[in-house]
Structures are given as structure tokens and as C-alpha cells.
């Protein structure tokens, strides 16, 4: 998740400040997919489900 959080933070600032065009959003999403965001979310969800079962 560290890599994902770093990318999200960087891209959020770039898009807000206008240094990165919004048109590159699809590339940004593709980059998140290469960082295996889906798997990271599965792990986080499983941990949350275990916590909520207590």
C-alpha cells in the first residue's frame, strides 16, 4: 500500500495544481493496476471483515 499511497498523493497534487493534465487520468488508473491495487484492497477488506467479526 505504500507505493499506492505515494502515487495517489503525488498525482492528486499534480492534478490539483495543474502540472498534470486530467487527460492522463487513464494512465494513472493503469499505473494503479500495475501496482496490484485490487489485491491490496482484497487484503485490507479481509482485515476489516475480521475486525468487524469480533
PDB file of N, CA and C in Angstrom:
ATOM      1  N   UNK A   1       0.811  -1.194   0.000  1.00  0.00           N
ATOM      2  CA  UNK A   1       0.000   0.000   0.000  1.00  0.00           C
ATOM      3  C   UNK A   1       0.858   1.264   0.000  1.00  0.00           C
ATOM      4  N   UNK A   2       2.100   1.155   0.419  1.00  0.00           N
ATOM      5  CA  UNK A   2       2.958   2.333   0.466  1.00  0.00           C
ATOM      6  C   UNK A   2       3.132   2.939  -0.918  1.00  0.00           C
ATOM      7  N   UNK A   3       3.399   2.089  -1.903  1.00  0.00           N
ATOM      8  CA  UNK A   3       3.566   2.586  -3.278  1.00  0.00           C
ATOM      9  C   UNK A   3       2.279   3.212  -3.798  1.00  0.00           C
ATOM     10  N   UNK A   4       1.161   2.582  -3.487  1.00  0.00           N
ATOM     11  CA  UNK A   4      -0.134   3.100  -3.931  1.00  0.00           C
ATOM     12  C   UNK A   4      -0.399   4.464  -3.286  1.00  0.00           C
ATOM     13  N   UNK A   5      -0.184   4.560  -1.989  1.00  0.00           N
ATOM     14  CA  UNK A   5      -0.422   5.823  -1.282  1.00  0.00           C
ATOM     15  C   UNK A   5       0.473   6.935  -1.818  1.00  0.00           C
ATOM     16  N   UNK A   6       1.719   6.603  -2.097  1.00  0.00           N
ATOM     17  CA  UNK A   6       2.645   7.601  -2.647  1.00  0.00           C
ATOM     18  C   UNK A   6       2.164   8.094  -4.007  1.00  0.00           C
ATOM     19  N   UNK A   7       1.788   7.169  -4.874  1.00  0.00           N
ATOM     20  CA  UNK A   7       1.306   7.540  -6.206  1.00  0.00           C
ATOM     21  C   UNK A   7       0.043   8.396  -6.108  1.00  0.00           C
ATOM     22  N   UNK A   8      -0.882   8.006  -5.264  1.00  0.00           N
ATOM     23  CA  UNK A   8      -2.123   8.765  -5.109  1.00  0.00           C
ATOM     24  C   UNK A   8      -1.822  10.174  -4.616  1.00  0.00           C
ATOM     25  N   UNK A   9      -0.964  10.299  -3.616  1.00  0.00           N
ATOM     26  CA  UNK A   9      -0.617  11.621  -3.089  1.00  0.00           C
ATOM     27  C   UNK A   9       0.029  12.502  -4.160  1.00  0.00           C
ATOM     28  N   UNK A  10       0.976  11.936  -4.899  1.00  0.00           N
ATOM     29  CA  UNK A  10       1.673  12.701  -5.928  1.00  0.00           C
ATOM     30  C   UNK A  10       0.733  13.140  -7.042  1.00  0.00           C
ATOM     31  N   UNK A  11      -0.073  12.204  -7.528  1.00  0.00           N
ATOM     32  CA  UNK A  11      -0.955  12.521  -8.644  1.00  0.00           C
ATOM     33  C   UNK A  11      -2.067  13.481  -8.228  1.00  0.00           C
ATOM     34  N   UNK A  12      -2.548  13.363  -7.006  1.00  0.00           N
ATOM     35  CA  UNK A  12      -3.581  14.274  -6.529  1.00  0.00           C
ATOM     36  C   UNK A  12      -3.067  15.709  -6.557  1.00  0.00           C
ATOM     37  N   UNK A  13      -1.870  15.907  -6.025  1.00  0.00           N
ATOM     38  CA  UNK A  13      -1.290  17.246  -6.031  1.00  0.00           C
ATOM     39  C   UNK A  13      -1.036  17.749  -7.447  1.00  0.00           C
ATOM     40  N   UNK A  14      -0.513  16.888  -8.298  1.00  0.00           N
ATOM     41  CA  UNK A  14      -0.215  17.307  -9.667  1.00  0.00           C
ATOM     42  C   UNK A  14      -1.475  17.716 -10.413  1.00  0.00           C
ATOM     43  N   UNK A  15      -2.548  16.948 -10.232  1.00  0.00           N
ATOM     44  CA  UNK A  15      -3.800  17.266 -10.931  1.00  0.00           C
ATOM     45  C   UNK A  15      -4.410  18.543 -10.369  1.00  0.00           C
ATOM     46  N   UNK A  16      -4.387  18.697  -9.040  1.00  0.00           N
ATOM     47  CA  UNK A  16      -4.952  19.906  -8.431  1.00  0.00           C
ATOM     48  C   UNK A  16      -4.165  21.146  -8.837  1.00  0.00           C
ATOM     49  N   UNK A  17      -2.845  21.039  -8.838  1.00  0.00           N
ATOM     50  CA  UNK A  17      -2.007  22.187  -9.182  1.00  0.00           C
ATOM     51  C   UNK A  17      -1.945  22.456 -10.685  1.00  0.00           C
ATOM     52  N   UNK A  18      -2.418  21.511 -11.479  1.00  0.00           N
ATOM     53  CA  UNK A  18      -2.458  21.706 -12.917  1.00  0.00           C
ATOM     54  C   UNK A  18      -1.185  21.321 -13.641  1.00  0.00           C
ATOM     55  N   UNK A  19      -0.232  20.699 -12.948  1.00  0.00           N
ATOM     56  CA  UNK A  19       1.005  20.288 -13.619  1.00  0.00           C
ATOM     57  C   UNK A  19       0.819  18.980 -14.385  1.00  0.00           C
ATOM     58  N   UNK A  20      -0.234  18.263 -14.074  1.00  0.00           N
ATOM     59  CA  UNK A  20      -0.562  17.010 -14.774  1.00  0.00           C
ATOM     60  C   UNK A  20      -1.962  17.183 -15.366  1.00  0.00           C
ATOM     61  N   UNK A  21      -2.110  17.035 -16.679  1.00  0.00           N
ATOM     62  CA  UNK A  21      -3.440  17.209 -17.272  1.00  0.00           C
ATOM     63  C   UNK A  21      -4.393  16.093 -16.840  1.00  0.00           C
ATOM     64  N   UNK A  22      -5.644  16.445 -16.709  1.00  0.00           N
ATOM     65  CA  UNK A  22      -6.666  15.477 -16.310  1.00  0.00           C
ATOM     66  C   UNK A  22      -6.800  14.376 -17.360  1.00  0.00           C
ATOM     67  N   UNK A  23      -6.397  14.662 -18.577  1.00  0.00           N
ATOM     68  CA  UNK A  23      -6.462  13.664 -19.657  1.00  0.00           C
ATOM     69  C   UNK A  23      -5.602  12.446 -19.348  1.00  0.00           C
ATOM     70  N   UNK A  24      -4.618  12.588 -18.483  1.00  0.00           N
ATOM     71  CA  UNK A  24      -3.739  11.473 -18.131  1.00  0.00           C
ATOM     72  C   UNK A  24      -4.320  10.593 -17.019  1.00  0.00           C
ATOM     73  N   UNK A  25      -5.571  10.813 -16.675  1.00  0.00           N
ATOM     74  CA  UNK A  25      -6.187  10.044 -15.595  1.00  0.00           C
ATOM     75  C   UNK A  25      -6.213   8.555 -15.912  1.00  0.00           C
ATOM     76  N   UNK A  26      -6.467   8.191 -17.158  1.00  0.00           N
ATOM     77  CA  UNK A  26      -6.495   6.775 -17.536  1.00  0.00           C
ATOM     78  C   UNK A  26      -5.134   6.130 -17.340  1.00  0.00           C
ATOM     79  N   UNK A  27      -4.067   6.848 -17.647  1.00  0.00           N
ATOM     80  CA  UNK A  27      -2.711   6.333 -17.411  1.00  0.00           C
ATOM     81  C   UNK A  27      -2.473   6.133 -15.919  1.00  0.00           C
ATOM     82  N   UNK A  28      -2.997   7.048 -15.126  1.00  0.00           N
ATOM     83  CA  UNK A  28      -2.886   6.982 -13.673  1.00  0.00           C
ATOM     84  C   UNK A  28      -3.591   5.726 -13.147  1.00  0.00           C
ATOM     85  N   UNK A  29      -4.779   5.450 -13.641  1.00  0.00           N
ATOM     86  CA  UNK A  29      -5.525   4.260 -13.226  1.00  0.00           C
ATOM     87  C   UNK A  29      -4.779   3.002 -13.653  1.00  0.00           C
ATOM     88  N   UNK A  30      -4.224   3.007 -14.856  1.00  0.00           N
ATOM     89  CA  UNK A  30      -3.444   1.857 -15.317  1.00  0.00           C
ATOM     90  C   UNK A  30      -2.225   1.626 -14.424  1.00  0.00           C
ATOM     91  N   UNK A  31      -1.581   2.698 -14.006  1.00  0.00           N
ATOM     92  CA  UNK A  31      -0.425   2.589 -13.115  1.00  0.00           C
ATOM     93  C   UNK A  31      -0.841   1.984 -11.775  1.00  0.00           C
ATOM     94  N   UNK A  32      -2.014   2.368 -11.268  1.00  0.00           N
ATOM     95  CA  UNK A  32      -2.514   1.785 -10.024  1.00  0.00           C
ATOM     96  C   UNK A  32      -2.746   0.285 -10.187  1.00  0.00           C
ATOM     97  N   UNK A  33      -3.241  -0.110 -11.345  1.00  0.00           N
ATOM     98  CA  UNK A  33      -3.479  -1.528 -11.597  1.00  0.00           C
ATOM     99  C   UNK A  33      -2.171  -2.312 -11.636  1.00  0.00           C
ATOM    100  N   UNK A  34      -1.104  -1.707 -12.165  1.00  0.00           N
ATOM    101  CA  UNK A  34       0.180  -2.399 -12.213  1.00  0.00           C
ATOM    102  C   UNK A  34       0.776  -2.560 -10.814  1.00  0.00           C
ATOM    103  N   UNK A  35       0.346  -1.713  -9.890  1.00  0.00           N
ATOM    104  CA  UNK A  35       0.806  -1.831  -8.502  1.00  0.00           C
ATOM    105  C   UNK A  35      -0.047  -2.826  -7.711  1.00  0.00           C
ATOM    106  N   UNK A  36      -0.919  -3.540  -8.427  1.00  0.00           N
ATOM    107  CA  UNK A  36      -1.783  -4.567  -7.845  1.00  0.00           C
ATOM    108  C   UNK A  36      -2.690  -3.993  -6.757  1.00  0.00           C
ATOM    109  N   UNK A  37      -3.335  -2.895  -7.084  1.00  0.00           N
ATOM    110  CA  UNK A  37      -4.245  -2.240  -6.160  1.00  0.00           C
ATOM    111  C   UNK A  37      -5.398  -3.159  -5.778  1.00  0.00           C
ATOM    112  N   UNK A  38      -5.906  -3.922  -6.724  1.00  0.00           N
ATOM    113  CA  UNK A  38      -7.021  -4.830  -6.444  1.00  0.00           C
ATOM    114  C   UNK A  38      -6.683  -5.826  -5.354  1.00  0.00           C
ATOM    115  N   UNK A  39      -5.502  -6.398  -5.423  1.00  0.00           N
ATOM    116  CA  UNK A  39      -5.073  -7.367  -4.406  1.00  0.00           C
ATOM    117  C   UNK A  39      -4.902  -6.683  -3.052  1.00  0.00           C
ATOM    118  N   UNK A  40      -4.347  -5.482  -3.055  1.00  0.00           N
ATOM    119  CA  UNK A  40      -4.166  -4.744  -1.805  1.00  0.00           C
ATOM    120  C   UNK A  40      -5.520  -4.444  -1.161  1.00  0.00           C
ATOM    121  N   UNK A  41      -6.502  -4.095  -1.972  1.00  0.00           N
ATOM    122  CA  UNK A  41      -7.830  -3.831  -1.440  1.00  0.00           C
ATOM    123  C   UNK A  41      -8.478  -5.088  -0.873  1.00  0.00           C
ATOM    124  N   UNK A  42      -8.248  -6.236  -1.524  1.00  0.00           N
ATOM    125  CA  UNK A  42      -8.762  -7.501  -1.005  1.00  0.00           C
ATOM    126  C   UNK A  42      -8.194  -7.787   0.383  1.00  0.00           C
ATOM    127  N   UNK A  43      -6.909  -7.571   0.547  1.00  0.00           N
ATOM    128  CA  UNK A  43      -6.250  -7.815   1.835  1.00  0.00           C
ATOM    129  C   UNK A  43      -6.804  -6.868   2.901  1.00  0.00           C
ATOM    130  N   UNK A  44      -6.944  -5.593   2.549  1.00  0.00           N
ATOM    131  CA  UNK A  44      -7.472  -4.608   3.501  1.00  0.00           C
ATOM    132  C   UNK A  44      -8.913  -4.949   3.887  1.00  0.00           C
ATOM    133  N   UNK A  45      -9.723  -5.362   2.916  1.00  0.00           N
ATOM    134  CA  UNK A  45     -11.118  -5.715   3.193  1.00  0.00           C
ATOM    135  C   UNK A  45     -11.208  -6.929   4.082  1.00  0.00           C
ATOM    136  N   UNK A  46     -10.359  -7.927   3.838  1.00  0.00           N
ATOM    137  CA  UNK A  46     -10.369  -9.129   4.675  1.00  0.00           C
ATOM    138  C   UNK A  46      -9.999  -8.783   6.114  1.00  0.00           C
ATOM    139  N   UNK A  47      -9.038  -7.905   6.281  1.00  0.00           N
ATOM    140  CA  UNK A  47      -8.650  -7.479   7.626  1.00  0.00           C
ATOM    141  C   UNK A  47      -9.803  -6.745   8.305  1.00  0.00           C
ATOM    142  N   UNK A  48     -10.500  -5.900   7.577  1.00  0.00           N
ATOM    143  CA  UNK A  48     -11.635  -5.178   8.143  1.00  0.00           C
ATOM    144  C   UNK A  48     -12.758  -6.137   8.523  1.00  0.00           C
ATOM    145  N   UNK A  49     -13.024  -7.101   7.665  1.00  0.00           N
ATOM    146  CA  UNK A  49     -14.061  -8.094   7.967  1.00  0.00           C
ATOM    147  C   UNK A  49     -13.721  -8.883   9.229  1.00  0.00           C
ATOM    148  N   UNK A  50     -12.459  -9.274   9.368  1.00  0.00           N
ATOM    149  CA  UNK A  50     -12.044  -9.996  10.587  1.00  0.00           C
ATOM    150  C   UNK A  50     -12.229  -9.120  11.822  1.00  0.00           C
ATOM    151  N   UNK A  51     -11.886  -7.861  11.700  1.00  0.00           N
ATOM    152  CA  UNK A  51     -12.036  -6.926  12.822  1.00  0.00           C
ATOM    153  C   UNK A  51     -13.500  -6.773  13.209  1.00  0.00           C
ATOM    154  N   UNK A  52     -14.363  -6.629  12.210  1.00  0.00           N
ATOM    155  CA  UNK A  52     -15.788  -6.435  12.483  1.00  0.00           C
ATOM    156  C   UNK A  52     -16.466  -7.659  13.060  1.00  0.00           C
ATOM    157  N   UNK A  53     -15.925  -8.845  12.850  1.00  0.00           N
ATOM    158  CA  UNK A  53     -16.489 -10.068  13.397  1.00  0.00           C
ATOM    159  C   UNK A  53     -16.265 -10.205  14.892  1.00  0.00           C
ATOM    160  N   UNK A  54     -15.321  -9.465  15.443  1.00  0.00           N
ATOM    161  CA  UNK A  54     -15.004  -9.609  16.863  1.00  0.00           C
ATOM    162  C   UNK A  54     -16.150  -9.196  17.730  1.00  0.00           C
TER     163      UNK A  54
END
